[in-house]
């Protein structure tokens, strides 16, 4: 009765794992009491992916560092999610991606996100 949960993208370099969940909404954030925030359901989803992967690697005895990223399509909103957070020992980041650009520029954005993430992680390991 439980739904199957599958990540959109899982990238691995050495013992470093980045789980990416891509999202598209007409509004990249939710608003409650005049405050904008990341969609809470999305945050719980990526956190669950990260924690499940962490348990899987720990059981296998594999040294690891697991992080998650919510990747939103950029909208024309003034406030866009963009940040890096620590949640129960794991890094969870939120980024936006401009999809209204030529493919090469989209590719460059994605490469920059991944290269930046793994460069940061390699300094921490």
PDB file of N, CA and C in Angstrom:
ATOM      1  N   UNK A   1       0.805  -1.205   0.000  1.00  0.00           N
ATOM      2  CA  UNK A   1       0.000   0.000   0.000  1.00  0.00           C
ATOM      3  C   UNK A   1       0.849   1.271   0.000  1.00  0.00           C
ATOM      4  N   UNK A   2       2.167   1.150   0.208  1.00  0.00           N
ATOM      5  CA  UNK A   2       3.008   2.343   0.175  1.00  0.00           C
ATOM      6  C   UNK A   2       3.438   2.629  -1.264  1.00  0.00           C
ATOM      7  N   UNK A   3       3.478   3.895  -1.638  1.00  0.00           N
ATOM      8  CA  UNK A   3       3.916   4.218  -3.001  1.00  0.00           C
ATOM      9  C   UNK A   3       5.416   4.002  -3.148  1.00  0.00           C
ATOM     10  N   UNK A   4       5.836   3.639  -4.349  1.00  0.00           N
ATOM     11  CA  UNK A   4       7.264   3.515  -4.624  1.00  0.00           C
ATOM     12  C   UNK A   4       7.843   4.915  -4.732  1.00  0.00           C
ATOM     13  N   UNK A   5       8.997   5.092  -4.126  1.00  0.00           N
ATOM     14  CA  UNK A   5       9.661   6.397  -4.177  1.00  0.00           C
ATOM     15  C   UNK A   5      10.978   6.227  -4.919  1.00  0.00           C
ATOM     16  N   UNK A   6      11.135   6.982  -5.999  1.00  0.00           N
ATOM     17  CA  UNK A   6      12.343   6.900  -6.810  1.00  0.00           C
ATOM     18  C   UNK A   6      12.911   8.304  -7.000  1.00  0.00           C
ATOM     19  N   UNK A   7      14.201   8.423  -6.791  1.00  0.00           N
ATOM     20  CA  UNK A   7      14.841   9.716  -6.985  1.00  0.00           C
ATOM     21  C   UNK A   7      14.863  10.060  -8.473  1.00  0.00           C
ATOM     22  N   UNK A   8      14.944  11.349  -8.769  1.00  0.00           N
ATOM     23  CA  UNK A   8      15.078  11.769 -10.162  1.00  0.00           C
ATOM     24  C   UNK A   8      16.490  11.508 -10.654  1.00  0.00           C
ATOM     25  N   UNK A   9      17.477  11.908  -9.859  1.00  0.00           N
ATOM     26  CA  UNK A   9      18.883  11.753 -10.236  1.00  0.00           C
ATOM     27  C   UNK A   9      19.692  11.457  -8.982  1.00  0.00           C
ATOM     28  N   UNK A  10      20.584  10.480  -9.074  1.00  0.00           N
ATOM     29  CA  UNK A  10      21.536  10.216  -7.999  1.00  0.00           C
ATOM     30  C   UNK A  10      22.923  10.219  -8.618  1.00  0.00           C
ATOM     31  N   UNK A  11      23.769  11.133  -8.135  1.00  0.00           N
ATOM     32  CA  UNK A  11      25.135  11.257  -8.626  1.00  0.00           C
ATOM     33  C   UNK A  11      26.094  10.820  -7.534  1.00  0.00           C
ATOM     34  N   UNK A  12      27.136  10.091  -7.934  1.00  0.00           N
ATOM     35  CA  UNK A  12      28.107   9.585  -6.967  1.00  0.00           C
ATOM     36  C   UNK A  12      29.516   9.876  -7.460  1.00  0.00           C
ATOM     37  N   UNK A  13      30.337  10.375  -6.561  1.00  0.00           N
ATOM     38  CA  UNK A  13      31.765  10.550  -6.833  1.00  0.00           C
ATOM     39  C   UNK A  13      32.490  10.069  -5.589  1.00  0.00           C
ATOM     40  N   UNK A  14      33.186   8.944  -5.709  1.00  0.00           N
ATOM     41  CA  UNK A  14      33.837   8.355  -4.544  1.00  0.00           C
ATOM     42  C   UNK A  14      32.776   7.989  -3.517  1.00  0.00           C
ATOM     43  N   UNK A  15      32.956   8.441  -2.285  1.00  0.00           N
ATOM     44  CA  UNK A  15      31.983   8.178  -1.233  1.00  0.00           C
ATOM     45  C   UNK A  15      30.951   9.274  -1.086  1.00  0.00           C
ATOM     46  N   UNK A  16      30.949  10.234  -2.027  1.00  0.00           N
ATOM     47  CA  UNK A  16      30.023  11.350  -1.955  1.00  0.00           C
ATOM     48  C   UNK A  16      28.832  11.093  -2.869  1.00  0.00           C
ATOM     49  N   UNK A  17      27.636  11.236  -2.321  1.00  0.00           N
ATOM     50  CA  UNK A  17      26.407  11.003  -3.078  1.00  0.00           C
ATOM     51  C   UNK A  17      25.563  12.275  -3.031  1.00  0.00           C
ATOM     52  N   UNK A  18      25.063  12.668  -4.193  1.00  0.00           N
ATOM     53  CA  UNK A  18      24.136  13.783  -4.296  1.00  0.00           C
ATOM     54  C   UNK A  18      22.850  13.275  -4.929  1.00  0.00           C
ATOM     55  N   UNK A  19      21.756  13.410  -4.193  1.00  0.00           N
ATOM     56  CA  UNK A  19      20.439  13.025  -4.698  1.00  0.00           C
ATOM     57  C   UNK A  19      19.712  14.301  -5.098  1.00  0.00           C
ATOM     58  N   UNK A  20      19.273  14.352  -6.355  1.00  0.00           N
ATOM     59  CA  UNK A  20      18.612  15.545  -6.883  1.00  0.00           C
ATOM     60  C   UNK A  20      17.164  15.200  -7.198  1.00  0.00           C
ATOM     61  N   UNK A  21      16.270  16.040  -6.714  1.00  0.00           N
ATOM     62  CA  UNK A  21      14.858  15.896  -7.030  1.00  0.00           C
ATOM     63  C   UNK A  21      14.426  17.172  -7.737  1.00  0.00           C
ATOM     64  N   UNK A  22      14.041  17.052  -8.999  1.00  0.00           N
ATOM     65  CA  UNK A  22      13.671  18.208  -9.815  1.00  0.00           C
ATOM     66  C   UNK A  22      12.177  18.487  -9.687  1.00  0.00           C
ATOM     67  N   UNK A  23      11.850  19.778  -9.627  1.00  0.00           N
ATOM     68  CA  UNK A  23      10.455  20.191  -9.439  1.00  0.00           C
ATOM     69  C   UNK A  23      10.114  21.338 -10.377  1.00  0.00           C
ATOM     70  N   UNK A  24       8.860  21.388 -10.780  1.00  0.00           N
ATOM     71  CA  UNK A  24       8.363  22.531 -11.533  1.00  0.00           C
ATOM     72  C   UNK A  24       6.996  22.919 -11.000  1.00  0.00           C
ATOM     73  N   UNK A  25       6.877  24.156 -10.602  1.00  0.00           N
ATOM     74  CA  UNK A  25       5.615  24.724 -10.148  1.00  0.00           C
ATOM     75  C   UNK A  25       5.508  26.124 -10.744  1.00  0.00           C
ATOM     76  N   UNK A  26       4.315  26.626 -10.879  1.00  0.00           N
ATOM     77  CA  UNK A  26       4.178  28.009 -11.330  1.00  0.00           C
ATOM     78  C   UNK A  26       4.719  28.966 -10.269  1.00  0.00           C
ATOM     79  N   UNK A  27       4.731  28.516  -9.007  1.00  0.00           N
ATOM     80  CA  UNK A  27       5.346  29.262  -7.902  1.00  0.00           C
ATOM     81  C   UNK A  27       6.365  28.330  -7.245  1.00  0.00           C
ATOM     82  N   UNK A  28       7.626  28.731  -7.266  1.00  0.00           N
ATOM     83  CA  UNK A  28       8.691  27.879  -6.740  1.00  0.00           C
ATOM     84  C   UNK A  28       8.673  27.768  -5.219  1.00  0.00           C
ATOM     85  N   UNK A  29       7.939  28.669  -4.563  1.00  0.00           N
ATOM     86  CA  UNK A  29       7.847  28.620  -3.110  1.00  0.00           C
ATOM     87  C   UNK A  29       6.382  28.609  -2.696  1.00  0.00           C
ATOM     88  N   UNK A  30       6.170  28.242  -1.449  1.00  0.00           N
ATOM     89  CA  UNK A  30       4.825  28.333  -0.882  1.00  0.00           C
ATOM     90  C   UNK A  30       4.786  29.554   0.034  1.00  0.00           C
ATOM     91  N   UNK A  31       3.617  30.067   0.289  1.00  0.00           N
ATOM     92  CA  UNK A  31       3.495  31.237   1.148  1.00  0.00           C
ATOM     93  C   UNK A  31       2.474  30.960   2.237  1.00  0.00           C
ATOM     94  N   UNK A  32       2.878  31.286   3.458  1.00  0.00           N
ATOM     95  CA  UNK A  32       1.977  31.159   4.591  1.00  0.00           C
ATOM     96  C   UNK A  32       2.275  32.301   5.544  1.00  0.00           C
ATOM     97  N   UNK A  33       1.247  33.029   5.921  1.00  0.00           N
ATOM     98  CA  UNK A  33       1.389  34.181   6.813  1.00  0.00           C
ATOM     99  C   UNK A  33       2.438  35.167   6.284  1.00  0.00           C
ATOM    100  N   UNK A  34       2.348  35.486   5.014  1.00  0.00           N
ATOM    101  CA  UNK A  34       3.238  36.437   4.347  1.00  0.00           C
ATOM    102  C   UNK A  34       4.709  36.031   4.357  1.00  0.00           C
ATOM    103  N   UNK A  35       4.997  34.760   4.557  1.00  0.00           N
ATOM    104  CA  UNK A  35       6.366  34.275   4.535  1.00  0.00           C
ATOM    105  C   UNK A  35       6.497  33.194   3.465  1.00  0.00           C
ATOM    106  N   UNK A  36       7.502  33.322   2.623  1.00  0.00           N
ATOM    107  CA  UNK A  36       7.754  32.343   1.572  1.00  0.00           C
ATOM    108  C   UNK A  36       8.721  31.279   2.084  1.00  0.00           C
ATOM    109  N   UNK A  37       8.483  30.040   1.654  1.00  0.00           N
ATOM    110  CA  UNK A  37       9.368  28.942   2.035  1.00  0.00           C
ATOM    111  C   UNK A  37       9.309  27.865   0.961  1.00  0.00           C
ATOM    112  N   UNK A  38      10.238  26.927   1.063  1.00  0.00           N
ATOM    113  CA  UNK A  38      10.255  25.766   0.177  1.00  0.00           C
ATOM    114  C   UNK A  38       8.993  24.952   0.442  1.00  0.00           C
ATOM    115  N   UNK A  39       8.467  24.324  -0.590  1.00  0.00           N
ATOM    116  CA  UNK A  39       7.304  23.449  -0.412  1.00  0.00           C
ATOM    117  C   UNK A  39       7.669  22.356   0.600  1.00  0.00           C
ATOM    118  N   UNK A  40       6.937  22.285   1.687  1.00  0.00           N
ATOM    119  CA  UNK A  40       7.293  21.367   2.776  1.00  0.00           C
ATOM    120  C   UNK A  40       7.279  19.910   2.336  1.00  0.00           C
ATOM    121  N   UNK A  41       6.338  19.532   1.503  1.00  0.00           N
ATOM    122  CA  UNK A  41       6.294  18.143   1.023  1.00  0.00           C
ATOM    123  C   UNK A  41       7.545  17.772   0.255  1.00  0.00           C
ATOM    124  N   UNK A  42       8.065  18.717  -0.533  1.00  0.00           N
ATOM    125  CA  UNK A  42       9.297  18.465  -1.282  1.00  0.00           C
ATOM    126  C   UNK A  42      10.488  18.293  -0.344  1.00  0.00           C
ATOM    127  N   UNK A  43      10.524  19.106   0.693  1.00  0.00           N
ATOM    128  CA  UNK A  43      11.605  19.006   1.659  1.00  0.00           C
ATOM    129  C   UNK A  43      11.578  17.655   2.381  1.00  0.00           C
ATOM    130  N   UNK A  44      10.404  17.223   2.789  1.00  0.00           N
ATOM    131  CA  UNK A  44      10.284  15.910   3.432  1.00  0.00           C
ATOM    132  C   UNK A  44      10.689  14.794   2.474  1.00  0.00           C
ATOM    133  N   UNK A  45      10.333  14.938   1.209  1.00  0.00           N
ATOM    134  CA  UNK A  45      10.660  13.914   0.218  1.00  0.00           C
ATOM    135  C   UNK A  45      12.176  13.788   0.037  1.00  0.00           C
ATOM    136  N   UNK A  46      12.876  14.901  -0.185  1.00  0.00           N
ATOM    137  CA  UNK A  46      14.321  14.820  -0.392  1.00  0.00           C
ATOM    138  C   UNK A  46      15.023  14.351   0.881  1.00  0.00           C
ATOM    139  N   UNK A  47      14.535  14.776   2.028  1.00  0.00           N
ATOM    140  CA  UNK A  47      15.114  14.331   3.298  1.00  0.00           C
ATOM    141  C   UNK A  47      14.974  12.810   3.451  1.00  0.00           C
ATOM    142  N   UNK A  48      13.833  12.277   3.062  1.00  0.00           N
ATOM    143  CA  UNK A  48      13.614  10.830   3.121  1.00  0.00           C
ATOM    144  C   UNK A  48      14.553  10.090   2.183  1.00  0.00           C
ATOM    145  N   UNK A  49      14.709  10.579   0.965  1.00  0.00           N
ATOM    146  CA  UNK A  49      15.658   9.966   0.028  1.00  0.00           C
ATOM    147  C   UNK A  49      17.066   9.933   0.612  1.00  0.00           C
ATOM    148  N   UNK A  50      17.500  11.045   1.176  1.00  0.00           N
ATOM    149  CA  UNK A  50      18.852  11.153   1.718  1.00  0.00           C
ATOM    150  C   UNK A  50      19.034  10.187   2.882  1.00  0.00           C
ATOM    151  N   UNK A  51      18.106  10.168   3.805  1.00  0.00           N
ATOM    152  CA  UNK A  51      18.243   9.297   4.976  1.00  0.00           C
ATOM    153  C   UNK A  51      18.192   7.821   4.596  1.00  0.00           C
ATOM    154  N   UNK A  52      17.341   7.461   3.646  1.00  0.00           N
ATOM    155  CA  UNK A  52      17.283   6.064   3.203  1.00  0.00           C
ATOM    156  C   UNK A  52      18.589   5.638   2.532  1.00  0.00           C
ATOM    157  N   UNK A  53      19.175   6.517   1.727  1.00  0.00           N
ATOM    158  CA  UNK A  53      20.447   6.200   1.069  1.00  0.00           C
ATOM    159  C   UNK A  53      21.556   6.091   2.100  1.00  0.00           C
ATOM    160  N   UNK A  54      21.522   6.951   3.089  1.00  0.00           N
ATOM    161  CA  UNK A  54      22.526   6.906   4.148  1.00  0.00           C
ATOM    162  C   UNK A  54      22.474   5.571   4.898  1.00  0.00           C
ATOM    163  N   UNK A  55      21.281   5.108   5.216  1.00  0.00           N
ATOM    164  CA  UNK A  55      21.123   3.822   5.901  1.00  0.00           C
ATOM    165  C   UNK A  55      21.622   2.686   5.012  1.00  0.00           C
ATOM    166  N   UNK A  56      21.264   2.732   3.739  1.00  0.00           N
ATOM    167  CA  UNK A  56      21.701   1.699   2.790  1.00  0.00           C
ATOM    168  C   UNK A  56      23.228   1.602   2.738  1.00  0.00           C
ATOM    169  N   UNK A  57      23.905   2.732   2.641  1.00  0.00           N
ATOM    170  CA  UNK A  57      25.368   2.730   2.562  1.00  0.00           C
ATOM    171  C   UNK A  57      26.010   2.333   3.885  1.00  0.00           C
ATOM    172  N   UNK A  58      25.422   2.737   4.988  1.00  0.00           N
ATOM    173  CA  UNK A  58      25.946   2.358   6.307  1.00  0.00           C
ATOM    174  C   UNK A  58      25.849   0.847   6.509  1.00  0.00           C
ATOM    175  N   UNK A  59      24.719   0.273   6.125  1.00  0.00           N
ATOM    176  CA  UNK A  59      24.556  -1.191   6.256  1.00  0.00           C
ATOM    177  C   UNK A  59      25.565  -1.948   5.413  1.00  0.00           C
ATOM    178  N   UNK A  60      25.935  -1.368   4.269  1.00  0.00           N
ATOM    179  CA  UNK A  60      26.915  -2.000   3.383  1.00  0.00           C
ATOM    180  C   UNK A  60      28.345  -1.738   3.852  1.00  0.00           C
ATOM    181  N   UNK A  61      28.507  -0.916   4.877  1.00  0.00           N
ATOM    182  CA  UNK A  61      29.831  -0.604   5.396  1.00  0.00           C
ATOM    183  C   UNK A  61      30.645   0.298   4.483  1.00  0.00           C
ATOM    184  N   UNK A  62      29.975   1.061   3.656  1.00  0.00           N
ATOM    185  CA  UNK A  62      30.643   1.933   2.698  1.00  0.00           C
ATOM    186  C   UNK A  62      30.812   3.334   3.304  1.00  0.00           C
ATOM    187  N   UNK A  63      32.043   3.876   3.313  1.00  0.00           N
ATOM    188  CA  UNK A  63      32.212   5.264   3.769  1.00  0.00           C
ATOM    189  C   UNK A  63      31.436   6.190   2.827  1.00  0.00           C
ATOM    190  N   UNK A  64      30.731   7.159   3.380  1.00  0.00           N
ATOM    191  CA  UNK A  64      29.846   7.952   2.533  1.00  0.00           C
ATOM    192  C   UNK A  64      29.541   9.316   3.130  1.00  0.00           C
ATOM    193  N   UNK A  65      29.102  10.185   2.270  1.00  0.00           N
ATOM    194  CA  UNK A  65      28.574  11.498   2.627  1.00  0.00           C
ATOM    195  C   UNK A  65      27.400  11.707   1.683  1.00  0.00           C
ATOM    196  N   UNK A  66      26.179  11.752   2.214  1.00  0.00           N
ATOM    197  CA  UNK A  66      24.983  11.849   1.373  1.00  0.00           C
ATOM    198  C   UNK A  66      24.353  13.228   1.543  1.00  0.00           C
ATOM    199  N   UNK A  67      24.080  13.866   0.414  1.00  0.00           N
ATOM    200  CA  UNK A  67      23.424  15.175   0.392  1.00  0.00           C
ATOM    201  C   UNK A  67      22.233  15.112  -0.553  1.00  0.00           C
ATOM    202  N   UNK A  68      21.344  16.075  -0.387  1.00  0.00           N
ATOM    203  CA  UNK A  68      20.189  16.162  -1.266  1.00  0.00           C
ATOM    204  C   UNK A  68      20.045  17.556  -1.830  1.00  0.00           C
ATOM    205  N   UNK A  69      19.398  17.638  -2.996  1.00  0.00           N
ATOM    206  CA  UNK A  69      19.161  18.933  -3.613  1.00  0.00           C
ATOM    207  C   UNK A  69      17.771  18.955  -4.230  1.00  0.00           C
ATOM    208  N   UNK A  70      17.029  19.980  -3.889  1.00  0.00           N
ATOM    209  CA  UNK A  70      15.779  20.274  -4.582  1.00  0.00           C
ATOM    210  C   UNK A  70      16.132  21.254  -5.686  1.00  0.00           C
ATOM    211  N   UNK A  71      15.828  20.902  -6.913  1.00  0.00           N
ATOM    212  CA  UNK A  71      16.156  21.734  -8.067  1.00  0.00           C
ATOM    213  C   UNK A  71      14.857  22.188  -8.715  1.00  0.00           C
ATOM    214  N   UNK A  72      14.560  23.472  -8.560  1.00  0.00           N
ATOM    215  CA  UNK A  72      13.320  24.048  -9.079  1.00  0.00           C
ATOM    216  C   UNK A  72      13.568  24.769 -10.395  1.00  0.00           C
ATOM    217  N   UNK A  73      12.602  24.705 -11.273  1.00  0.00           N
ATOM    218  CA  UNK A  73      12.643  25.537 -12.474  1.00  0.00           C
ATOM    219  C   UNK A  73      12.440  26.981 -12.035  1.00  0.00           C
ATOM    220  N   UNK A  74      13.274  27.863 -12.569  1.00  0.00           N
ATOM    221  CA  UNK A  74      13.180  29.280 -12.214  1.00  0.00           C
ATOM    222  C   UNK A  74      11.887  29.863 -12.781  1.00  0.00           C
ATOM    223  N   UNK A  75      11.237  30.663 -11.982  1.00  0.00           N
ATOM    224  CA  UNK A  75      10.017  31.361 -12.394  1.00  0.00           C
ATOM    225  C   UNK A  75      10.299  32.855 -12.396  1.00  0.00           C
ATOM    226  N   UNK A  76       9.289  33.643 -12.716  1.00  0.00           N
ATOM    227  CA  UNK A  76       9.477  35.094 -12.717  1.00  0.00           C
ATOM    228  C   UNK A  76       9.180  35.729 -11.365  1.00  0.00           C
ATOM    229  N   UNK A  77       9.098  34.907 -10.325  1.00  0.00           N
ATOM    230  CA  UNK A  77       8.852  35.425  -8.980  1.00  0.00           C
ATOM    231  C   UNK A  77      10.058  36.232  -8.490  1.00  0.00           C
ATOM    232  N   UNK A  78       9.804  37.163  -7.604  1.00  0.00           N
ATOM    233  CA  UNK A  78      10.886  37.960  -7.028  1.00  0.00           C
ATOM    234  C   UNK A  78      11.722  37.146  -6.048  1.00  0.00           C
ATOM    235  N   UNK A  79      11.081  36.284  -5.276  1.00  0.00           N
ATOM    236  CA  UNK A  79      11.784  35.465  -4.289  1.00  0.00           C
ATOM    237  C   UNK A  79      11.895  34.048  -4.832  1.00  0.00           C
ATOM    238  N   UNK A  80      13.139  33.596  -5.016  1.00  0.00           N
ATOM    239  CA  UNK A  80      13.385  32.240  -5.497  1.00  0.00           C
ATOM    240  C   UNK A  80      14.178  31.471  -4.449  1.00  0.00           C
ATOM    241  N   UNK A  81      13.889  30.187  -4.298  1.00  0.00           N
ATOM    242  CA  UNK A  81      14.632  29.415  -3.301  1.00  0.00           C
ATOM    243  C   UNK A  81      16.070  29.195  -3.759  1.00  0.00           C
ATOM    244  N   UNK A  82      17.004  29.436  -2.872  1.00  0.00           N
ATOM    245  CA  UNK A  82      18.404  29.208  -3.157  1.00  0.00           C
ATOM    246  C   UNK A  82      19.147  29.222  -1.833  1.00  0.00           C
ATOM    247  N   UNK A  83      19.645  28.066  -1.425  1.00  0.00           N
ATOM    248  CA  UNK A  83      20.362  28.017  -0.161  1.00  0.00           C
ATOM    249  C   UNK A  83      20.857  26.625   0.143  1.00  0.00           C
ATOM    250  N   UNK A  84      21.702  26.557   1.147  1.00  0.00           N
ATOM    251  CA  UNK A  84      22.256  25.291   1.619  1.00  0.00           C
ATOM    252  C   UNK A  84      21.961  25.196   3.105  1.00  0.00           C
ATOM    253  N   UNK A  85      21.433  24.063   3.515  1.00  0.00           N
ATOM    254  CA  UNK A  85      20.994  23.875   4.898  1.00  0.00           C
ATOM    255  C   UNK A  85      21.542  22.557   5.438  1.00  0.00           C
ATOM    256  N   UNK A  86      21.677  22.474   6.739  1.00  0.00           N
ATOM    257  CA  UNK A  86      22.048  21.226   7.404  1.00  0.00           C
ATOM    258  C   UNK A  86      20.814  20.683   8.112  1.00  0.00           C
ATOM    259  N   UNK A  87      20.484  19.442   7.818  1.00  0.00           N
ATOM    260  CA  UNK A  87      19.330  18.802   8.447  1.00  0.00           C
ATOM    261  C   UNK A  87      19.750  17.439   8.983  1.00  0.00           C
ATOM    262  N   UNK A  88      19.762  17.307  10.277  1.00  0.00           N
ATOM    263  CA  UNK A  88      20.100  16.036  10.931  1.00  0.00           C
ATOM    264  C   UNK A  88      21.381  15.421  10.373  1.00  0.00           C
ATOM    265  N   UNK A  89      22.400  16.255  10.197  1.00  0.00           N
ATOM    266  CA  UNK A  89      23.700  15.762   9.766  1.00  0.00           C
ATOM    267  C   UNK A  89      23.905  15.673   8.267  1.00  0.00           C
ATOM    268  N   UNK A  90      22.929  16.067   7.479  1.00  0.00           N
ATOM    269  CA  UNK A  90      23.058  16.018   6.026  1.00  0.00           C
ATOM    270  C   UNK A  90      22.846  17.398   5.423  1.00  0.00           C
ATOM    271  N   UNK A  91      23.541  17.631   4.326  1.00  0.00           N
ATOM    272  CA  UNK A  91      23.364  18.879   3.594  1.00  0.00           C
ATOM    273  C   UNK A  91      22.173  18.738   2.651  1.00  0.00           C
ATOM    274  N   UNK A  92      21.273  19.693   2.729  1.00  0.00           N
ATOM    275  CA  UNK A  92      20.138  19.776   1.817  1.00  0.00           C
ATOM    276  C   UNK A  92      20.218  21.156   1.167  1.00  0.00           C
ATOM    277  N   UNK A  93      20.310  21.180  -0.152  1.00  0.00           N
ATOM    278  CA  UNK A  93      20.376  22.461  -0.835  1.00  0.00           C
ATOM    279  C   UNK A  93      19.139  22.638  -1.711  1.00  0.00           C
ATOM    280  N   UNK A  94      18.867  23.892  -1.991  1.00  0.00           N
ATOM    281  CA  UNK A  94      17.740  24.261  -2.834  1.00  0.00           C
ATOM    282  C   UNK A  94      18.285  25.220  -3.881  1.00  0.00           C
ATOM    283  N   UNK A  95      18.079  24.892  -5.135  1.00  0.00           N
ATOM    284  CA  UNK A  95      18.591  25.710  -6.232  1.00  0.00           C
ATOM    285  C   UNK A  95      17.496  25.911  -7.269  1.00  0.00           C
ATOM    286  N   UNK A  96      17.680  26.924  -8.109  1.00  0.00           N
ATOM    287  CA  UNK A  96      16.777  27.147  -9.225  1.00  0.00           C
ATOM    288  C   UNK A  96      17.574  27.069 -10.520  1.00  0.00           C
ATOM    289  N   UNK A  97      16.883  26.685 -11.578  1.00  0.00           N
ATOM    290  CA  UNK A  97      17.499  26.475 -12.874  1.00  0.00           C
ATOM    291  C   UNK A  97      16.681  27.217 -13.924  1.00  0.00           C
ATOM    292  N   UNK A  98      17.341  28.104 -14.677  1.00  0.00           N
ATOM    293  CA  UNK A  98      16.650  28.833 -15.740  1.00  0.00           C
ATOM    294  C   UNK A  98      16.479  27.957 -16.963  1.00  0.00           C
ATOM    295  N   UNK A  99      15.255  27.587 -17.264  1.00  0.00           N
ATOM    296  CA  UNK A  99      14.982  26.709 -18.397  1.00  0.00           C
ATOM    297  C   UNK A  99      14.622  27.472 -19.666  1.00  0.00           C
ATOM    298  N   UNK A 100      14.581  28.794 -19.587  1.00  0.00           N
ATOM    299  CA  UNK A 100      14.212  29.606 -20.743  1.00  0.00           C
ATOM    300  C   UNK A 100      15.448  30.057 -21.521  1.00  0.00           C
ATOM    301  N   UNK A 101      16.526  29.323 -21.383  1.00  0.00           N
ATOM    302  CA  UNK A 101      17.799  29.657 -22.006  1.00  0.00           C
ATOM    303  C   UNK A 101      18.148  28.629 -23.080  1.00  0.00           C
ATOM    304  N   UNK A 102      19.091  28.945 -23.951  1.00  0.00           N
ATOM    305  CA  UNK A 102      19.569  27.937 -24.899  1.00  0.00           C
ATOM    306  C   UNK A 102      20.140  26.729 -24.151  1.00  0.00           C
ATOM    307  N   UNK A 103      20.074  25.572 -24.799  1.00  0.00           N
ATOM    308  CA  UNK A 103      20.487  24.329 -24.142  1.00  0.00           C
ATOM    309  C   UNK A 103      21.890  24.408 -23.552  1.00  0.00           C
ATOM    310  N   UNK A 104      22.831  24.996 -24.264  1.00  0.00           N
ATOM    311  CA  UNK A 104      24.212  25.064 -23.768  1.00  0.00           C
ATOM    312  C   UNK A 104      24.297  25.835 -22.450  1.00  0.00           C
ATOM    313  N   UNK A 105      23.468  26.844 -22.282  1.00  0.00           N
ATOM    314  CA  UNK A 105      23.462  27.602 -21.031  1.00  0.00           C
ATOM    315  C   UNK A 105      22.805  26.809 -19.903  1.00  0.00           C
ATOM    316  N   UNK A 106      21.777  26.039 -20.234  1.00  0.00           N
ATOM    317  CA  UNK A 106      21.167  25.154 -19.232  1.00  0.00           C
ATOM    318  C   UNK A 106      22.186  24.120 -18.794  1.00  0.00           C
ATOM    319  N   UNK A 107      22.884  23.559 -19.764  1.00  0.00           N
ATOM    320  CA  UNK A 107      23.926  22.570 -19.457  1.00  0.00           C
ATOM    321  C   UNK A 107      25.000  23.178 -18.563  1.00  0.00           C
ATOM    322  N   UNK A 108      25.416  24.407 -18.861  1.00  0.00           N
ATOM    323  CA  UNK A 108      26.436  25.075 -18.052  1.00  0.00           C
ATOM    324  C   UNK A 108      25.943  25.294 -16.620  1.00  0.00           C
ATOM    325  N   UNK A 109      24.666  25.647 -16.465  1.00  0.00           N
ATOM    326  CA  UNK A 109      24.095  25.800 -15.121  1.00  0.00           C
ATOM    327  C   UNK A 109      24.169  24.481 -14.357  1.00  0.00           C
ATOM    328  N   UNK A 110      23.753  23.400 -15.014  1.00  0.00           N
ATOM    329  CA  UNK A 110      23.763  22.083 -14.371  1.00  0.00           C
ATOM    330  C   UNK A 110      25.183  21.647 -14.019  1.00  0.00           C
ATOM    331  N   UNK A 111      26.108  21.831 -14.968  1.00  0.00           N
ATOM    332  CA  UNK A 111      27.507  21.479 -14.692  1.00  0.00           C
ATOM    333  C   UNK A 111      28.046  22.286 -13.514  1.00  0.00           C
ATOM    334  N   UNK A 112      27.710  23.568 -13.458  1.00  0.00           N
ATOM    335  CA  UNK A 112      28.165  24.408 -12.355  1.00  0.00           C
ATOM    336  C   UNK A 112      27.607  23.967 -11.011  1.00  0.00           C
ATOM    337  N   UNK A 113      26.348  23.581 -11.005  1.00  0.00           N
ATOM    338  CA  UNK A 113      25.725  23.107  -9.770  1.00  0.00           C
ATOM    339  C   UNK A 113      26.429  21.849  -9.270  1.00  0.00           C
ATOM    340  N   UNK A 114      26.637  20.902 -10.175  1.00  0.00           N
ATOM    341  CA  UNK A 114      27.254  19.622  -9.794  1.00  0.00           C
ATOM    342  C   UNK A 114      28.719  19.821  -9.418  1.00  0.00           C
ATOM    343  N   UNK A 115      29.469  20.544 -10.266  1.00  0.00           N
ATOM    344  CA  UNK A 115      30.887  20.769  -9.960  1.00  0.00           C
ATOM    345  C   UNK A 115      31.052  21.498  -8.636  1.00  0.00           C
ATOM    346  N   UNK A 116      30.216  22.504  -8.403  1.00  0.00           N
ATOM    347  CA  UNK A 116      30.273  23.240  -7.150  1.00  0.00           C
ATOM    348  C   UNK A 116      29.972  22.355  -5.956  1.00  0.00           C
ATOM    349  N   UNK A 117      28.992  21.496  -6.100  1.00  0.00           N
ATOM    350  CA  UNK A 117      28.627  20.618  -4.989  1.00  0.00           C
ATOM    351  C   UNK A 117      29.760  19.653  -4.662  1.00  0.00           C
ATOM    352  N   UNK A 118      30.283  18.979  -5.675  1.00  0.00           N
ATOM    353  CA  UNK A 118      31.321  17.988  -5.412  1.00  0.00           C
ATOM    354  C   UNK A 118      32.637  18.635  -5.006  1.00  0.00           C
ATOM    355  N   UNK A 119      32.905  19.846  -5.440  1.00  0.00           N
ATOM    356  CA  UNK A 119      34.110  20.556  -4.989  1.00  0.00           C
ATOM    357  C   UNK A 119      33.980  20.887  -3.512  1.00  0.00           C
ATOM    358  N   UNK A 120      32.800  21.353  -3.065  1.00  0.00           N
ATOM    359  CA  UNK A 120      32.561  21.647  -1.654  1.00  0.00           C
ATOM    360  C   UNK A 120      32.679  20.384  -0.829  1.00  0.00           C
ATOM    361  N   UNK A 121      32.074  19.309  -1.305  1.00  0.00           N
ATOM    362  CA  UNK A 121      32.086  18.049  -0.553  1.00  0.00           C
ATOM    363  C   UNK A 121      33.486  17.491  -0.407  1.00  0.00           C
ATOM    364  N   UNK A 122      34.319  17.585  -1.480  1.00  0.00           N
ATOM    365  CA  UNK A 122      35.653  16.988  -1.401  1.00  0.00           C
ATOM    366  C   UNK A 122      36.514  17.702  -0.360  1.00  0.00           C
ATOM    367  N   UNK A 123      36.240  18.976  -0.098  1.00  0.00           N
ATOM    368  CA  UNK A 123      36.984  19.689   0.934  1.00  0.00           C
ATOM    369  C   UNK A 123      36.559  19.255   2.323  1.00  0.00           C
ATOM    370  N   UNK A 124      35.330  18.782   2.461  1.00  0.00           N
ATOM    371  CA  UNK A 124      34.810  18.399   3.781  1.00  0.00           C
ATOM    372  C   UNK A 124      35.178  16.972   4.158  1.00  0.00           C
ATOM    373  N   UNK A 125      35.418  16.099   3.178  1.00  0.00           N
ATOM    374  CA  UNK A 125      35.691  14.686   3.494  1.00  0.00           C
ATOM    375  C   UNK A 125      37.067  14.502   4.079  1.00  0.00           C
TER     376      UNK A 125
END
